[in-house]
Amino acid sequence: MSTIDSVYGTYKAGKFWLVAAAISLGSGILLPDLLRSIGTSTTPENSLLGALLIALAIFGVCLLPFAMWQHVARKKFFSWLEGQSALLETGAKHPDGYTVTLDTPLVRYRVVFSALFATVSFTSKPYVLQDRSAGFAQASFTFFSFVFGWWFLGLEGIVETAKAIVGNLRSSEVFTLRQLLTKEA
């Protein structure tokens, strides 16, 4: 079970959910004011800053539902794996159309989101490395980290974002189920 926990990510769950909820709630509170203020902007600089803040707030509002979706997707994937454990040596057909064996390369990606006083990062569900959905996940997690990961008033956001972007572009978190079982034994 400890190996599965490590695949889930290295963040502390309680802190993560608290910070993600605070960012989403704070963004939801600020968004209406930001939308009103952009309508009254008189200079291009104020309009550009307002648009950037609105984009950050929209992503902030979406952060908690996105994190919850990934959490549920991870649990669902690992539940499916447990149900297919007898078939994994020869290959179990996933409902999304790909086959998973003990030696199928799986990959996970990391996303970082920062808001002035807080940075959160979490990992995606495992994707089959050769499946096209892995490429989309790689691009989207890297893009969101690149756009939203730097906004922390300290080094943590910069460091975590740089690690996530480089790791995602290199697909550095590749593993197989056989490796996980070997580590667990």
N, C-alpha and C. Protein backbone atom coordinates (compact mmCIF):
# COMPACT_ATOMS: atom_id res chain seq x y z
N MET A 1 0.82 -1.20 0.00
CA MET A 1 0.00 0.00 0.00
C MET A 1 0.86 1.26 0.00
N SER A 2 2.05 1.19 0.61
CA SER A 2 2.90 2.38 0.65
C SER A 2 3.37 2.77 -0.75
N THR A 3 3.54 1.81 -1.64
CA THR A 3 3.94 2.13 -3.01
C THR A 3 2.83 2.88 -3.72
N ILE A 4 1.60 2.45 -3.54
CA ILE A 4 0.47 3.15 -4.16
C ILE A 4 0.39 4.57 -3.62
N ASP A 5 0.63 4.74 -2.32
CA ASP A 5 0.63 6.08 -1.74
C ASP A 5 1.70 6.95 -2.39
N SER A 6 2.87 6.38 -2.68
CA SER A 6 3.91 7.19 -3.31
C SER A 6 3.53 7.58 -4.73
N VAL A 7 2.77 6.74 -5.42
CA VAL A 7 2.32 7.08 -6.76
C VAL A 7 1.29 8.21 -6.69
N TYR A 8 0.52 8.24 -5.63
CA TYR A 8 -0.47 9.30 -5.46
C TYR A 8 0.19 10.66 -5.36
N GLY A 9 1.40 10.75 -4.95
CA GLY A 9 2.08 12.03 -4.84
C GLY A 9 2.78 12.15 -3.52
N THR A 10 3.63 13.16 -3.42
CA THR A 10 4.43 13.31 -2.22
C THR A 10 3.92 14.43 -1.32
N TYR A 11 2.83 15.05 -1.70
CA TYR A 11 2.30 16.14 -0.89
C TYR A 11 1.57 15.59 0.34
N LYS A 12 1.45 16.38 1.33
CA LYS A 12 0.67 16.01 2.52
C LYS A 12 -0.79 16.32 2.20
N ALA A 13 -1.61 15.30 2.30
CA ALA A 13 -2.99 15.40 1.83
C ALA A 13 -3.78 16.49 2.56
N GLY A 14 -3.68 16.56 3.85
CA GLY A 14 -4.46 17.56 4.58
C GLY A 14 -4.11 18.98 4.18
N LYS A 15 -2.82 19.27 4.12
CA LYS A 15 -2.36 20.60 3.73
C LYS A 15 -2.80 20.91 2.30
N PHE A 16 -2.63 19.94 1.43
CA PHE A 16 -2.99 20.14 0.04
C PHE A 16 -4.46 20.53 -0.11
N TRP A 17 -5.35 19.74 0.49
CA TRP A 17 -6.78 19.99 0.33
C TRP A 17 -7.18 21.31 0.97
N LEU A 18 -6.57 21.66 2.09
CA LEU A 18 -6.86 22.93 2.75
C LEU A 18 -6.44 24.11 1.88
N VAL A 19 -5.21 24.05 1.35
CA VAL A 19 -4.70 25.14 0.51
C VAL A 19 -5.49 25.23 -0.80
N ALA A 20 -5.78 24.09 -1.41
CA ALA A 20 -6.55 24.09 -2.66
C ALA A 20 -7.94 24.67 -2.44
N ALA A 21 -8.58 24.31 -1.33
CA ALA A 21 -9.91 24.85 -1.03
C ALA A 21 -9.84 26.35 -0.77
N ALA A 22 -8.79 26.79 -0.06
CA ALA A 22 -8.64 28.22 0.22
C ALA A 22 -8.42 29.01 -1.07
N ILE A 23 -7.60 28.48 -1.97
CA ILE A 23 -7.36 29.17 -3.25
C ILE A 23 -8.65 29.24 -4.05
N SER A 24 -9.39 28.14 -4.12
CA SER A 24 -10.64 28.13 -4.88
C SER A 24 -11.67 29.07 -4.27
N LEU A 25 -11.80 29.04 -2.96
CA LEU A 25 -12.76 29.92 -2.29
C LEU A 25 -12.36 31.39 -2.45
N GLY A 26 -11.08 31.70 -2.22
CA GLY A 26 -10.61 33.07 -2.38
C GLY A 26 -10.79 33.58 -3.79
N SER A 27 -10.50 32.72 -4.76
CA SER A 27 -10.67 33.10 -6.16
C SER A 27 -12.14 33.36 -6.48
N GLY A 28 -13.02 32.51 -5.93
CA GLY A 28 -14.45 32.69 -6.15
C GLY A 28 -14.97 33.99 -5.56
N ILE A 29 -14.40 34.39 -4.43
CA ILE A 29 -14.81 35.64 -3.79
C ILE A 29 -14.31 36.84 -4.59
N LEU A 30 -13.06 36.76 -5.11
CA LEU A 30 -12.47 37.88 -5.84
C LEU A 30 -12.98 38.03 -7.27
N LEU A 31 -13.39 36.94 -7.89
CA LEU A 31 -13.75 36.97 -9.31
C LEU A 31 -14.82 38.00 -9.67
N PRO A 32 -15.93 38.11 -8.95
CA PRO A 32 -16.94 39.11 -9.33
C PRO A 32 -16.40 40.54 -9.29
N ASP A 33 -15.59 40.85 -8.28
CA ASP A 33 -15.00 42.20 -8.21
C ASP A 33 -14.04 42.45 -9.37
N LEU A 34 -13.27 41.43 -9.73
CA LEU A 34 -12.34 41.58 -10.86
C LEU A 34 -13.10 41.80 -12.17
N LEU A 35 -14.19 41.08 -12.33
CA LEU A 35 -14.98 41.24 -13.55
C LEU A 35 -15.59 42.64 -13.63
N ARG A 36 -16.06 43.16 -12.49
CA ARG A 36 -16.61 44.52 -12.47
C ARG A 36 -15.52 45.55 -12.75
N SER A 37 -14.33 45.35 -12.17
CA SER A 37 -13.27 46.35 -12.32
C SER A 37 -12.71 46.41 -13.73
N ILE A 38 -12.74 45.31 -14.45
CA ILE A 38 -12.20 45.36 -15.82
C ILE A 38 -13.10 46.19 -16.72
N GLY A 39 -14.38 46.23 -16.40
CA GLY A 39 -15.31 47.04 -17.17
C GLY A 39 -15.09 48.53 -16.98
N THR A 40 -14.49 48.91 -15.88
CA THR A 40 -14.24 50.32 -15.59
C THR A 40 -12.79 50.73 -15.84
N SER A 41 -11.99 49.84 -16.39
CA SER A 41 -10.58 50.15 -16.66
C SER A 41 -10.50 51.24 -17.72
N THR A 42 -9.58 52.19 -17.49
CA THR A 42 -9.44 53.31 -18.42
C THR A 42 -8.14 53.25 -19.20
N THR A 43 -7.21 52.41 -18.79
CA THR A 43 -5.93 52.32 -19.51
C THR A 43 -5.69 50.89 -19.96
N PRO A 44 -4.92 50.72 -21.01
CA PRO A 44 -4.60 49.36 -21.47
C PRO A 44 -3.86 48.55 -20.40
N GLU A 45 -3.00 49.23 -19.61
CA GLU A 45 -2.26 48.51 -18.59
C GLU A 45 -3.20 47.91 -17.54
N ASN A 46 -4.20 48.71 -17.13
CA ASN A 46 -5.17 48.22 -16.15
C ASN A 46 -6.01 47.09 -16.74
N SER A 47 -6.35 47.20 -18.01
CA SER A 47 -7.14 46.15 -18.66
C SER A 47 -6.34 44.86 -18.76
N LEU A 48 -5.06 44.96 -19.12
CA LEU A 48 -4.21 43.78 -19.24
C LEU A 48 -4.01 43.12 -17.87
N LEU A 49 -3.72 43.91 -16.86
CA LEU A 49 -3.57 43.37 -15.51
C LEU A 49 -4.88 42.75 -15.04
N GLY A 50 -5.99 43.40 -15.31
CA GLY A 50 -7.29 42.86 -14.93
C GLY A 50 -7.57 41.54 -15.61
N ALA A 51 -7.24 41.45 -16.89
CA ALA A 51 -7.46 40.19 -17.63
C ALA A 51 -6.60 39.07 -17.06
N LEU A 52 -5.35 39.38 -16.70
CA LEU A 52 -4.47 38.38 -16.11
C LEU A 52 -5.01 37.92 -14.76
N LEU A 53 -5.45 38.86 -13.94
CA LEU A 53 -6.01 38.51 -12.64
C LEU A 53 -7.30 37.70 -12.78
N ILE A 54 -8.10 38.01 -13.77
CA ILE A 54 -9.32 37.23 -14.02
C ILE A 54 -8.97 35.80 -14.43
N ALA A 55 -7.96 35.66 -15.29
CA ALA A 55 -7.53 34.31 -15.70
C ALA A 55 -7.03 33.52 -14.49
N LEU A 56 -6.25 34.15 -13.63
CA LEU A 56 -5.77 33.48 -12.42
C LEU A 56 -6.94 33.09 -11.52
N ALA A 57 -7.89 33.99 -11.36
CA ALA A 57 -9.04 33.71 -10.50
C ALA A 57 -9.89 32.57 -11.07
N ILE A 58 -10.08 32.54 -12.37
CA ILE A 58 -10.87 31.47 -12.99
C ILE A 58 -10.18 30.13 -12.76
N PHE A 59 -8.86 30.09 -12.98
CA PHE A 59 -8.16 28.84 -12.73
C PHE A 59 -8.20 28.49 -11.24
N GLY A 60 -8.10 29.50 -10.38
CA GLY A 60 -8.19 29.25 -8.95
C GLY A 60 -9.51 28.63 -8.56
N VAL A 61 -10.59 29.11 -9.14
CA VAL A 61 -11.91 28.54 -8.88
C VAL A 61 -11.96 27.09 -9.34
N CYS A 62 -11.31 26.80 -10.46
CA CYS A 62 -11.33 25.46 -11.04
C CYS A 62 -10.33 24.50 -10.37
N LEU A 63 -9.42 25.03 -9.56
CA LEU A 63 -8.37 24.21 -8.97
C LEU A 63 -8.93 23.06 -8.13
N LEU A 64 -9.82 23.35 -7.21
CA LEU A 64 -10.35 22.30 -6.34
C LEU A 64 -11.12 21.23 -7.12
N PRO A 65 -12.04 21.60 -8.02
CA PRO A 65 -12.70 20.54 -8.80
C PRO A 65 -11.72 19.73 -9.66
N PHE A 66 -10.70 20.38 -10.22
CA PHE A 66 -9.70 19.67 -11.03
C PHE A 66 -8.92 18.68 -10.16
N ALA A 67 -8.50 19.13 -8.98
CA ALA A 67 -7.76 18.25 -8.07
C ALA A 67 -8.63 17.08 -7.62
N MET A 68 -9.90 17.35 -7.36
CA MET A 68 -10.81 16.28 -6.96
C MET A 68 -11.00 15.28 -8.10
N TRP A 69 -11.11 15.78 -9.32
CA TRP A 69 -11.26 14.90 -10.49
C TRP A 69 -10.04 13.99 -10.62
N GLN A 70 -8.83 14.54 -10.48
CA GLN A 70 -7.63 13.72 -10.58
C GLN A 70 -7.55 12.71 -9.44
N HIS A 71 -7.94 13.12 -8.25
CA HIS A 71 -7.93 12.22 -7.09
C HIS A 71 -8.87 11.03 -7.34
N VAL A 72 -10.07 11.32 -7.81
CA VAL A 72 -11.04 10.26 -8.11
C VAL A 72 -10.53 9.39 -9.25
N ALA A 73 -9.93 9.99 -10.27
CA ALA A 73 -9.40 9.22 -11.40
C ALA A 73 -8.28 8.29 -10.95
N ARG A 74 -7.41 8.75 -10.05
CA ARG A 74 -6.35 7.90 -9.51
C ARG A 74 -6.94 6.72 -8.75
N LYS A 75 -7.89 7.00 -7.87
CA LYS A 75 -8.53 5.93 -7.08
C LYS A 75 -9.22 4.92 -8.01
N LYS A 76 -9.92 5.43 -9.01
CA LYS A 76 -10.63 4.56 -9.95
C LYS A 76 -9.64 3.67 -10.72
N PHE A 77 -8.52 4.25 -11.17
CA PHE A 77 -7.52 3.49 -11.91
C PHE A 77 -6.93 2.39 -11.04
N PHE A 78 -6.57 2.72 -9.80
CA PHE A 78 -5.99 1.71 -8.92
C PHE A 78 -7.01 0.66 -8.49
N SER A 79 -8.26 1.04 -8.35
CA SER A 79 -9.31 0.05 -8.07
C SER A 79 -9.45 -0.91 -9.24
N TRP A 80 -9.43 -0.36 -10.45
CA TRP A 80 -9.51 -1.21 -11.64
C TRP A 80 -8.31 -2.16 -11.68
N LEU A 81 -7.11 -1.64 -11.38
CA LEU A 81 -5.92 -2.49 -11.37
C LEU A 81 -6.06 -3.64 -10.38
N GLU A 82 -6.55 -3.33 -9.19
CA GLU A 82 -6.72 -4.38 -8.18
C GLU A 82 -7.71 -5.44 -8.65
N GLY A 83 -8.76 -5.02 -9.33
CA GLY A 83 -9.74 -5.96 -9.86
C GLY A 83 -9.22 -6.80 -11.00
N GLN A 84 -8.19 -6.32 -11.67
CA GLN A 84 -7.62 -7.02 -12.83
C GLN A 84 -6.31 -7.71 -12.51
N SER A 85 -5.94 -7.81 -11.24
CA SER A 85 -4.61 -8.29 -10.86
C SER A 85 -4.27 -9.66 -11.46
N ALA A 86 -5.24 -10.55 -11.60
CA ALA A 86 -4.98 -11.88 -12.16
C ALA A 86 -4.66 -11.82 -13.65
N LEU A 87 -5.12 -10.78 -14.33
CA LEU A 87 -4.92 -10.68 -15.78
C LEU A 87 -3.71 -9.84 -16.19
N LEU A 88 -3.07 -9.20 -15.24
CA LEU A 88 -2.02 -8.23 -15.58
C LEU A 88 -0.77 -8.86 -16.18
N GLU A 89 -0.50 -10.12 -15.90
CA GLU A 89 0.67 -10.78 -16.48
C GLU A 89 0.53 -10.88 -18.00
N THR A 90 -0.66 -11.23 -18.47
CA THR A 90 -0.88 -11.38 -19.91
C THR A 90 -1.48 -10.13 -20.55
N GLY A 91 -2.16 -9.32 -19.77
CA GLY A 91 -2.73 -8.08 -20.28
C GLY A 91 -4.20 -7.95 -19.95
N ALA A 92 -4.53 -6.85 -19.30
CA ALA A 92 -5.93 -6.55 -18.96
C ALA A 92 -6.38 -5.39 -19.83
N LYS A 93 -7.55 -5.55 -20.43
CA LYS A 93 -8.10 -4.52 -21.31
C LYS A 93 -8.80 -3.46 -20.47
N HIS A 94 -8.31 -2.22 -20.54
CA HIS A 94 -8.90 -1.10 -19.80
C HIS A 94 -10.15 -0.63 -20.55
N PRO A 95 -11.16 -0.12 -19.83
CA PRO A 95 -12.37 0.38 -20.50
C PRO A 95 -12.10 1.49 -21.52
N ASP A 96 -10.98 2.20 -21.40
CA ASP A 96 -10.64 3.26 -22.37
C ASP A 96 -10.00 2.72 -23.64
N GLY A 97 -9.82 1.39 -23.71
CA GLY A 97 -9.37 0.79 -24.97
C GLY A 97 -7.93 0.34 -25.02
N TYR A 98 -7.13 0.61 -24.05
CA TYR A 98 -5.74 0.16 -24.08
C TYR A 98 -5.57 -1.04 -23.17
N THR A 99 -4.46 -1.75 -23.36
CA THR A 99 -4.16 -2.93 -22.57
C THR A 99 -3.04 -2.61 -21.58
N VAL A 100 -3.19 -3.09 -20.37
CA VAL A 100 -2.19 -2.86 -19.33
C VAL A 100 -1.66 -4.21 -18.87
N THR A 101 -0.34 -4.35 -18.88
CA THR A 101 0.34 -5.52 -18.33
C THR A 101 1.22 -5.05 -17.18
N LEU A 102 1.88 -6.00 -16.56
CA LEU A 102 2.81 -5.63 -15.48
C LEU A 102 3.99 -4.82 -16.00
N ASP A 103 4.27 -4.91 -17.31
CA ASP A 103 5.42 -4.21 -17.89
C ASP A 103 5.03 -3.02 -18.77
N THR A 104 3.77 -2.64 -18.77
CA THR A 104 3.33 -1.47 -19.54
C THR A 104 3.89 -0.21 -18.90
N PRO A 105 4.60 0.61 -19.68
CA PRO A 105 5.10 1.87 -19.11
C PRO A 105 3.95 2.83 -18.81
N LEU A 106 3.87 3.24 -17.55
CA LEU A 106 2.88 4.22 -17.10
C LEU A 106 3.63 5.50 -16.74
N VAL A 107 2.95 6.62 -16.84
CA VAL A 107 3.57 7.90 -16.54
C VAL A 107 2.58 8.76 -15.77
N ARG A 108 3.11 9.58 -14.90
CA ARG A 108 2.28 10.57 -14.23
C ARG A 108 2.93 11.92 -14.41
N TYR A 109 2.11 12.95 -14.40
CA TYR A 109 2.58 14.32 -14.58
C TYR A 109 2.23 15.14 -13.36
N ARG A 110 2.94 16.22 -13.18
CA ARG A 110 2.75 17.09 -12.01
C ARG A 110 2.27 18.45 -12.48
N VAL A 111 1.39 19.05 -11.70
CA VAL A 111 0.92 20.41 -11.96
C VAL A 111 1.17 21.24 -10.70
N VAL A 112 1.55 22.50 -10.90
CA VAL A 112 1.81 23.42 -9.80
C VAL A 112 0.94 24.65 -10.01
N PHE A 113 0.32 25.08 -8.93
CA PHE A 113 -0.47 26.31 -8.96
C PHE A 113 -0.07 27.13 -7.75
N SER A 114 0.24 28.40 -7.98
CA SER A 114 0.63 29.29 -6.89
C SER A 114 -0.29 30.50 -6.86
N ALA A 115 -0.55 30.96 -5.66
CA ALA A 115 -1.30 32.19 -5.44
C ALA A 115 -0.61 32.93 -4.31
N LEU A 116 0.01 34.01 -4.61
CA LEU A 116 0.77 34.87 -3.71
C LEU A 116 1.34 34.21 -2.46
N PHE A 117 0.50 33.66 -1.57
CA PHE A 117 0.97 33.13 -0.31
C PHE A 117 0.92 31.61 -0.20
N ALA A 118 0.59 30.93 -1.26
CA ALA A 118 0.48 29.47 -1.21
C ALA A 118 0.84 28.86 -2.56
N THR A 119 1.47 27.71 -2.49
CA THR A 119 1.76 26.91 -3.68
C THR A 119 1.28 25.50 -3.41
N VAL A 120 0.57 24.92 -4.36
CA VAL A 120 0.16 23.53 -4.26
C VAL A 120 0.60 22.81 -5.53
N SER A 121 0.93 21.54 -5.36
CA SER A 121 1.26 20.72 -6.52
C SER A 121 0.65 19.34 -6.29
N PHE A 122 0.28 18.71 -7.36
CA PHE A 122 -0.24 17.36 -7.27
C PHE A 122 0.04 16.64 -8.57
N THR A 123 -0.07 15.33 -8.51
CA THR A 123 0.23 14.52 -9.67
C THR A 123 -1.04 14.03 -10.32
N SER A 124 -0.90 13.71 -11.58
CA SER A 124 -2.03 13.18 -12.35
C SER A 124 -2.24 11.71 -12.01
N LYS A 125 -3.31 11.18 -12.50
CA LYS A 125 -3.49 9.74 -12.46
C LYS A 125 -2.46 9.12 -13.39
N PRO A 126 -2.15 7.86 -13.26
CA PRO A 126 -1.22 7.23 -14.20
C PRO A 126 -1.85 7.12 -15.60
N TYR A 127 -1.04 7.43 -16.60
CA TYR A 127 -1.44 7.29 -18.00
C TYR A 127 -0.53 6.26 -18.65
N VAL A 128 -1.06 5.50 -19.59
CA VAL A 128 -0.23 4.60 -20.37
C VAL A 128 0.63 5.48 -21.28
N LEU A 129 1.94 5.34 -21.16
CA LEU A 129 2.87 6.24 -21.83
C LEU A 129 2.63 6.32 -23.34
N GLN A 130 2.29 5.22 -23.98
CA GLN A 130 2.12 5.22 -25.43
C GLN A 130 0.72 5.60 -25.89
N ASP A 131 -0.19 5.84 -24.96
CA ASP A 131 -1.55 6.23 -25.32
C ASP A 131 -1.60 7.73 -25.60
N ARG A 132 -2.45 8.15 -26.53
CA ARG A 132 -2.52 9.56 -26.90
C ARG A 132 -2.99 10.45 -25.74
N SER A 133 -3.73 9.88 -24.80
CA SER A 133 -4.18 10.68 -23.66
C SER A 133 -3.00 11.13 -22.79
N ALA A 134 -1.91 10.38 -22.81
CA ALA A 134 -0.71 10.78 -22.05
C ALA A 134 -0.11 12.04 -22.64
N GLY A 135 -0.10 12.16 -23.95
CA GLY A 135 0.42 13.37 -24.60
C GLY A 135 -0.41 14.59 -24.27
N PHE A 136 -1.73 14.44 -24.26
CA PHE A 136 -2.60 15.55 -23.89
C PHE A 136 -2.39 15.94 -22.44
N ALA A 137 -2.29 14.94 -21.55
CA ALA A 137 -2.06 15.22 -20.13
C ALA A 137 -0.71 15.91 -19.94
N GLN A 138 0.31 15.45 -20.65
CA GLN A 138 1.63 16.06 -20.55
C GLN A 138 1.57 17.53 -20.95
N ALA A 139 0.92 17.82 -22.06
CA ALA A 139 0.82 19.20 -22.54
C ALA A 139 0.01 20.06 -21.58
N SER A 140 -1.13 19.56 -21.11
CA SER A 140 -1.99 20.39 -20.26
C SER A 140 -1.38 20.61 -18.88
N PHE A 141 -0.82 19.58 -18.26
CA PHE A 141 -0.20 19.77 -16.94
C PHE A 141 1.01 20.69 -17.03
N THR A 142 1.79 20.57 -18.09
CA THR A 142 2.96 21.44 -18.27
C THR A 142 2.52 22.88 -18.53
N PHE A 143 1.51 23.06 -19.39
CA PHE A 143 1.01 24.40 -19.69
C PHE A 143 0.48 25.09 -18.43
N PHE A 144 -0.37 24.40 -17.67
CA PHE A 144 -0.92 25.01 -16.47
C PHE A 144 0.16 25.33 -15.44
N SER A 145 1.16 24.48 -15.31
CA SER A 145 2.26 24.78 -14.39
C SER A 145 3.03 26.00 -14.88
N PHE A 146 3.27 26.06 -16.19
CA PHE A 146 4.02 27.19 -16.75
C PHE A 146 3.28 28.51 -16.54
N VAL A 147 1.98 28.51 -16.71
CA VAL A 147 1.21 29.75 -16.59
C VAL A 147 0.92 30.10 -15.14
N PHE A 148 0.56 29.12 -14.31
CA PHE A 148 0.05 29.41 -12.98
C PHE A 148 0.97 29.02 -11.82
N GLY A 149 2.13 28.47 -12.10
CA GLY A 149 2.98 27.99 -11.02
C GLY A 149 3.90 29.00 -10.39
N TRP A 150 4.13 30.13 -11.02
CA TRP A 150 5.16 31.07 -10.58
C TRP A 150 4.69 32.13 -9.59
N TRP A 151 3.44 32.20 -9.28
CA TRP A 151 2.86 33.37 -8.61
C TRP A 151 2.97 33.36 -7.09
N PHE A 152 3.94 32.68 -6.54
CA PHE A 152 4.16 32.63 -5.10
C PHE A 152 5.22 33.66 -4.71
N LEU A 153 5.02 34.35 -3.62
CA LEU A 153 5.98 35.36 -3.16
C LEU A 153 7.12 34.69 -2.40
N GLY A 154 7.88 33.90 -3.09
CA GLY A 154 8.99 33.17 -2.50
C GLY A 154 9.53 32.20 -3.51
N LEU A 155 10.53 31.44 -3.12
CA LEU A 155 11.18 30.53 -4.06
C LEU A 155 10.41 29.23 -4.30
N GLU A 156 9.56 28.85 -3.38
CA GLU A 156 8.87 27.56 -3.50
C GLU A 156 8.12 27.42 -4.82
N GLY A 157 7.39 28.45 -5.22
CA GLY A 157 6.63 28.38 -6.47
C GLY A 157 7.54 28.23 -7.67
N ILE A 158 8.63 28.98 -7.68
CA ILE A 158 9.57 28.91 -8.81
C ILE A 158 10.24 27.54 -8.87
N VAL A 159 10.71 27.05 -7.73
CA VAL A 159 11.41 25.76 -7.70
C VAL A 159 10.46 24.62 -8.08
N GLU A 160 9.28 24.59 -7.45
CA GLU A 160 8.32 23.52 -7.74
C GLU A 160 7.87 23.56 -9.20
N THR A 161 7.65 24.76 -9.73
CA THR A 161 7.22 24.89 -11.11
C THR A 161 8.31 24.42 -12.07
N ALA A 162 9.54 24.83 -11.83
CA ALA A 162 10.64 24.40 -12.70
C ALA A 162 10.79 22.88 -12.67
N LYS A 163 10.72 22.28 -11.48
CA LYS A 163 10.82 20.82 -11.38
C LYS A 163 9.67 20.15 -12.13
N ALA A 164 8.46 20.69 -11.99
CA ALA A 164 7.30 20.08 -12.66
C ALA A 164 7.42 20.18 -14.17
N ILE A 165 7.80 21.35 -14.68
CA ILE A 165 7.90 21.54 -16.13
C ILE A 165 8.97 20.63 -16.72
N VAL A 166 10.15 20.63 -16.12
CA VAL A 166 11.24 19.79 -16.63
C VAL A 166 10.85 18.32 -16.54
N GLY A 167 10.30 17.91 -15.40
CA GLY A 167 9.88 16.52 -15.23
C GLY A 167 8.80 16.11 -16.22
N ASN A 168 7.83 16.99 -16.44
CA ASN A 168 6.76 16.68 -17.39
C ASN A 168 7.30 16.57 -18.82
N LEU A 169 8.16 17.50 -19.21
CA LEU A 169 8.69 17.47 -20.57
C LEU A 169 9.57 16.24 -20.81
N ARG A 170 10.24 15.78 -19.78
CA ARG A 170 11.08 14.58 -19.89
C ARG A 170 10.31 13.30 -19.65
N SER A 171 9.05 13.42 -19.26
CA SER A 171 8.26 12.25 -18.83
C SER A 171 9.07 11.45 -17.82
N SER A 172 9.58 12.14 -16.81
CA SER A 172 10.53 11.52 -15.90
C SER A 172 9.88 10.61 -14.85
N GLU A 173 8.59 10.67 -14.69
CA GLU A 173 7.93 9.81 -13.71
C GLU A 173 7.29 8.62 -14.41
N VAL A 174 8.12 7.83 -15.09
CA VAL A 174 7.66 6.64 -15.79
C VAL A 174 7.94 5.43 -14.89
N PHE A 175 6.99 4.52 -14.82
CA PHE A 175 7.13 3.33 -13.99
C PHE A 175 6.28 2.22 -14.59
N THR A 176 6.53 1.01 -14.13
CA THR A 176 5.69 -0.13 -14.50
C THR A 176 5.11 -0.71 -13.23
N LEU A 177 4.06 -1.48 -13.38
CA LEU A 177 3.46 -2.13 -12.22
C LEU A 177 4.42 -3.14 -11.61
N ARG A 178 5.22 -3.79 -12.45
CA ARG A 178 6.20 -4.74 -11.94
C ARG A 178 7.21 -4.03 -11.03
N GLN A 179 7.65 -2.82 -11.41
CA GLN A 179 8.56 -2.05 -10.56
C GLN A 179 7.90 -1.72 -9.23
N LEU A 180 6.63 -1.34 -9.26
CA LEU A 180 5.92 -1.02 -8.03
C LEU A 180 5.84 -2.26 -7.11
N LEU A 181 5.52 -3.41 -7.71
CA LEU A 181 5.42 -4.62 -6.91
C LEU A 181 6.77 -5.05 -6.35
N THR A 182 7.84 -4.83 -7.12
CA THR A 182 9.18 -5.16 -6.66
C THR A 182 9.58 -4.27 -5.48
N LYS A 183 9.25 -2.99 -5.55
CA LYS A 183 9.55 -2.06 -4.45
C LYS A 183 8.77 -2.43 -3.20
N GLU A 184 7.54 -2.90 -3.39
CA GLU A 184 6.66 -3.21 -2.27
C GLU A 184 7.11 -4.48 -1.56
N ALA A 185 7.73 -5.40 -2.29
CA ALA A 185 8.14 -6.69 -1.70
C ALA A 185 9.35 -6.57 -0.79
